[in-house]
């Protein structure tokens, strides 16, 4: 799932931001508007995220996990949007082994 994360006036928009706790990861990258797009990574079995029914529930979970960043910056409307967004799965990755690169 993704989160739109507004930036503060002193935040750099040339860096990516990252935070992790209890197998929940937020990776945020800047966009051309000067805000951040946060990708929330979590295990498919994590009902704290997968089972969200409302924005208030989402905000509560993130306040417990990430009280300093990005939770305080996100609007109530964005929490509502996050709660109803469909969860996307990462694609399967494969390689031909045993060596990845000889170069």
C-alpha atoms as a PDB file:
ATOM      1  CA  UNK A   1       0.000   0.000   0.000  1.00  0.00           C
ATOM      2  CA  UNK A   2       1.086   3.574  -0.453  1.00  0.00           C
ATOM      3  CA  UNK A   3       0.816   6.756   1.608  1.00  0.00           C
ATOM      4  CA  UNK A   4       1.034  10.342   0.435  1.00  0.00           C
ATOM      5  CA  UNK A   5       3.360  12.026   2.928  1.00  0.00           C
ATOM      6  CA  UNK A   6       3.621  15.813   2.916  1.00  0.00           C
ATOM      7  CA  UNK A   7       7.038  17.271   3.615  1.00  0.00           C
ATOM      8  CA  UNK A   8       7.847  19.889   6.208  1.00  0.00           C
ATOM      9  CA  UNK A   9       9.364  23.197   5.192  1.00  0.00           C
ATOM     10  CA  UNK A  10      12.819  22.103   6.391  1.00  0.00           C
ATOM     11  CA  UNK A  11      12.674  18.582   4.903  1.00  0.00           C
ATOM     12  CA  UNK A  12      14.910  17.761   1.973  1.00  0.00           C
ATOM     13  CA  UNK A  13      13.069  16.620  -1.133  1.00  0.00           C
ATOM     14  CA  UNK A  14      16.217  15.139  -2.630  1.00  0.00           C
ATOM     15  CA  UNK A  15      16.470  12.223  -0.227  1.00  0.00           C
ATOM     16  CA  UNK A  16      14.538   9.064   0.342  1.00  0.00           C
ATOM     17  CA  UNK A  17      13.219   8.449   3.855  1.00  0.00           C
ATOM     18  CA  UNK A  18      12.879   5.089   5.547  1.00  0.00           C
ATOM     19  CA  UNK A  19      11.626   3.722   8.837  1.00  0.00           C
ATOM     20  CA  UNK A  20      11.142   0.165  10.070  1.00  0.00           C
ATOM     21  CA  UNK A  21       9.632  -1.534  13.103  1.00  0.00           C
ATOM     22  CA  UNK A  22       8.137  -4.976  13.789  1.00  0.00           C
ATOM     23  CA  UNK A  23       8.342  -6.128  10.148  1.00  0.00           C
ATOM     24  CA  UNK A  24       6.560  -3.010   8.871  1.00  0.00           C
ATOM     25  CA  UNK A  25       8.654  -0.768   6.639  1.00  0.00           C
ATOM     26  CA  UNK A  26       7.910   2.639   5.140  1.00  0.00           C
ATOM     27  CA  UNK A  27      10.129   3.622   2.200  1.00  0.00           C
ATOM     28  CA  UNK A  28       9.367   7.146   1.002  1.00  0.00           C
ATOM     29  CA  UNK A  29      10.646   8.762  -2.174  1.00  0.00           C
ATOM     30  CA  UNK A  30      10.186  12.361  -3.310  1.00  0.00           C
ATOM     31  CA  UNK A  31       7.969  13.200  -6.265  1.00  0.00           C
ATOM     32  CA  UNK A  32       7.940  16.189  -8.625  1.00  0.00           C
ATOM     33  CA  UNK A  33       5.405  18.048  -6.452  1.00  0.00           C
ATOM     34  CA  UNK A  34       7.884  18.094  -3.580  1.00  0.00           C
ATOM     35  CA  UNK A  35       6.029  15.585  -1.394  1.00  0.00           C
ATOM     36  CA  UNK A  36       6.875  11.994  -0.613  1.00  0.00           C
ATOM     37  CA  UNK A  37       5.249   8.785  -1.773  1.00  0.00           C
ATOM     38  CA  UNK A  38       5.563   6.219   0.984  1.00  0.00           C
ATOM     39  CA  UNK A  39       5.455   2.533   0.120  1.00  0.00           C
ATOM     40  CA  UNK A  40       4.405   0.492   3.135  1.00  0.00           C
ATOM     41  CA  UNK A  41       5.900  -2.994   3.091  1.00  0.00           C
ATOM     42  CA  UNK A  42       4.577  -5.698   5.397  1.00  0.00           C
ATOM     43  CA  UNK A  43       4.025  -9.436   5.473  1.00  0.00           C
ATOM     44  CA  UNK A  44       0.722 -10.578   3.934  1.00  0.00           C
ATOM     45  CA  UNK A  45      -0.133 -12.268   7.233  1.00  0.00           C
ATOM     46  CA  UNK A  46       0.193  -9.018   9.222  1.00  0.00           C
ATOM     47  CA  UNK A  47      -3.403  -8.286  10.230  1.00  0.00           C
ATOM     48  CA  UNK A  48      -2.433  -4.939  11.776  1.00  0.00           C
ATOM     49  CA  UNK A  49      -2.203  -3.534   8.251  1.00  0.00           C
ATOM     50  CA  UNK A  50      -4.151  -6.020   6.147  1.00  0.00           C
ATOM     51  CA  UNK A  51      -7.146  -5.947   8.488  1.00  0.00           C
ATOM     52  CA  UNK A  52      -7.588  -2.161   8.597  1.00  0.00           C
ATOM     53  CA  UNK A  53     -11.209  -1.025   8.312  1.00  0.00           C
ATOM     54  CA  UNK A  54     -10.920   2.736   8.841  1.00  0.00           C
ATOM     55  CA  UNK A  55      -8.556   5.653   8.793  1.00  0.00           C
ATOM     56  CA  UNK A  56      -8.767   5.913  12.568  1.00  0.00           C
ATOM     57  CA  UNK A  57      -7.545   2.309  12.885  1.00  0.00           C
ATOM     58  CA  UNK A  58      -4.705   2.979  10.447  1.00  0.00           C
ATOM     59  CA  UNK A  59      -3.617   6.086  12.318  1.00  0.00           C
ATOM     60  CA  UNK A  60      -3.683   4.222  15.641  1.00  0.00           C
ATOM     61  CA  UNK A  61      -1.490   1.401  14.292  1.00  0.00           C
ATOM     62  CA  UNK A  62       1.015   3.862  12.840  1.00  0.00           C
ATOM     63  CA  UNK A  63       1.047   5.954  16.031  1.00  0.00           C
ATOM     64  CA  UNK A  64       2.141   2.812  17.882  1.00  0.00           C
ATOM     65  CA  UNK A  65       4.721   1.827  15.265  1.00  0.00           C
ATOM     66  CA  UNK A  66       5.995   5.197  14.047  1.00  0.00           C
ATOM     67  CA  UNK A  67       5.044   7.987  16.460  1.00  0.00           C
ATOM     68  CA  UNK A  68       7.670  10.473  15.195  1.00  0.00           C
ATOM     69  CA  UNK A  69       7.621   9.994  11.427  1.00  0.00           C
ATOM     70  CA  UNK A  70       5.593   9.816   9.192  1.00  0.00           C
ATOM     71  CA  UNK A  71       2.431   9.538  11.310  1.00  0.00           C
ATOM     72  CA  UNK A  72       2.112  13.178  12.535  1.00  0.00           C
ATOM     73  CA  UNK A  73       2.434  14.533   8.992  1.00  0.00           C
ATOM     74  CA  UNK A  74      -0.397  12.538   7.415  1.00  0.00           C
ATOM     75  CA  UNK A  75      -3.908  13.959   7.142  1.00  0.00           C
ATOM     76  CA  UNK A  76      -7.008  12.155   8.375  1.00  0.00           C
ATOM     77  CA  UNK A  77      -8.243  11.925   4.782  1.00  0.00           C
ATOM     78  CA  UNK A  78      -5.037  10.188   3.710  1.00  0.00           C
ATOM     79  CA  UNK A  79      -5.462   7.686   6.561  1.00  0.00           C
ATOM     80  CA  UNK A  80      -8.973   6.950   5.247  1.00  0.00           C
ATOM     81  CA  UNK A  81      -7.567   6.503   1.739  1.00  0.00           C
ATOM     82  CA  UNK A  82      -4.832   4.199   3.025  1.00  0.00           C
ATOM     83  CA  UNK A  83      -7.298   1.998   4.901  1.00  0.00           C
ATOM     84  CA  UNK A  84      -9.381   1.285   1.790  1.00  0.00           C
ATOM     85  CA  UNK A  85      -6.514   0.913  -0.707  1.00  0.00           C
ATOM     86  CA  UNK A  86      -5.960  -2.515  -2.116  1.00  0.00           C
ATOM     87  CA  UNK A  87      -2.810  -4.274  -0.966  1.00  0.00           C
ATOM     88  CA  UNK A  88      -0.435  -5.057  -3.824  1.00  0.00           C
ATOM     89  CA  UNK A  89       2.038  -7.897  -3.666  1.00  0.00           C
ATOM     90  CA  UNK A  90       5.648  -7.706  -4.764  1.00  0.00           C
ATOM     91  CA  UNK A  91       6.476  -9.802  -7.833  1.00  0.00           C
ATOM     92  CA  UNK A  92       8.327 -13.072  -7.486  1.00  0.00           C
ATOM     93  CA  UNK A  93      12.049 -12.698  -8.116  1.00  0.00           C
ATOM     94  CA  UNK A  94      14.219 -15.372  -9.641  1.00  0.00           C
ATOM     95  CA  UNK A  95      17.780 -15.764 -10.867  1.00  0.00           C
ATOM     96  CA  UNK A  96      19.826 -18.402 -12.577  1.00  0.00           C
ATOM     97  CA  UNK A  97      22.467 -19.614 -10.238  1.00  0.00           C
ATOM     98  CA  UNK A  98      24.806 -20.338  -8.750  1.00  0.00           C
ATOM     99  CA  UNK A  99      26.445 -17.082  -9.910  1.00  0.00           C
ATOM    100  CA  UNK A 100      24.582 -13.820 -10.501  1.00  0.00           C
ATOM    101  CA  UNK A 101      27.283 -11.891 -12.342  1.00  0.00           C
ATOM    102  CA  UNK A 102      30.686 -12.804 -13.691  1.00  0.00           C
ATOM    103  CA  UNK A 103      31.502  -9.289 -14.947  1.00  0.00           C
END
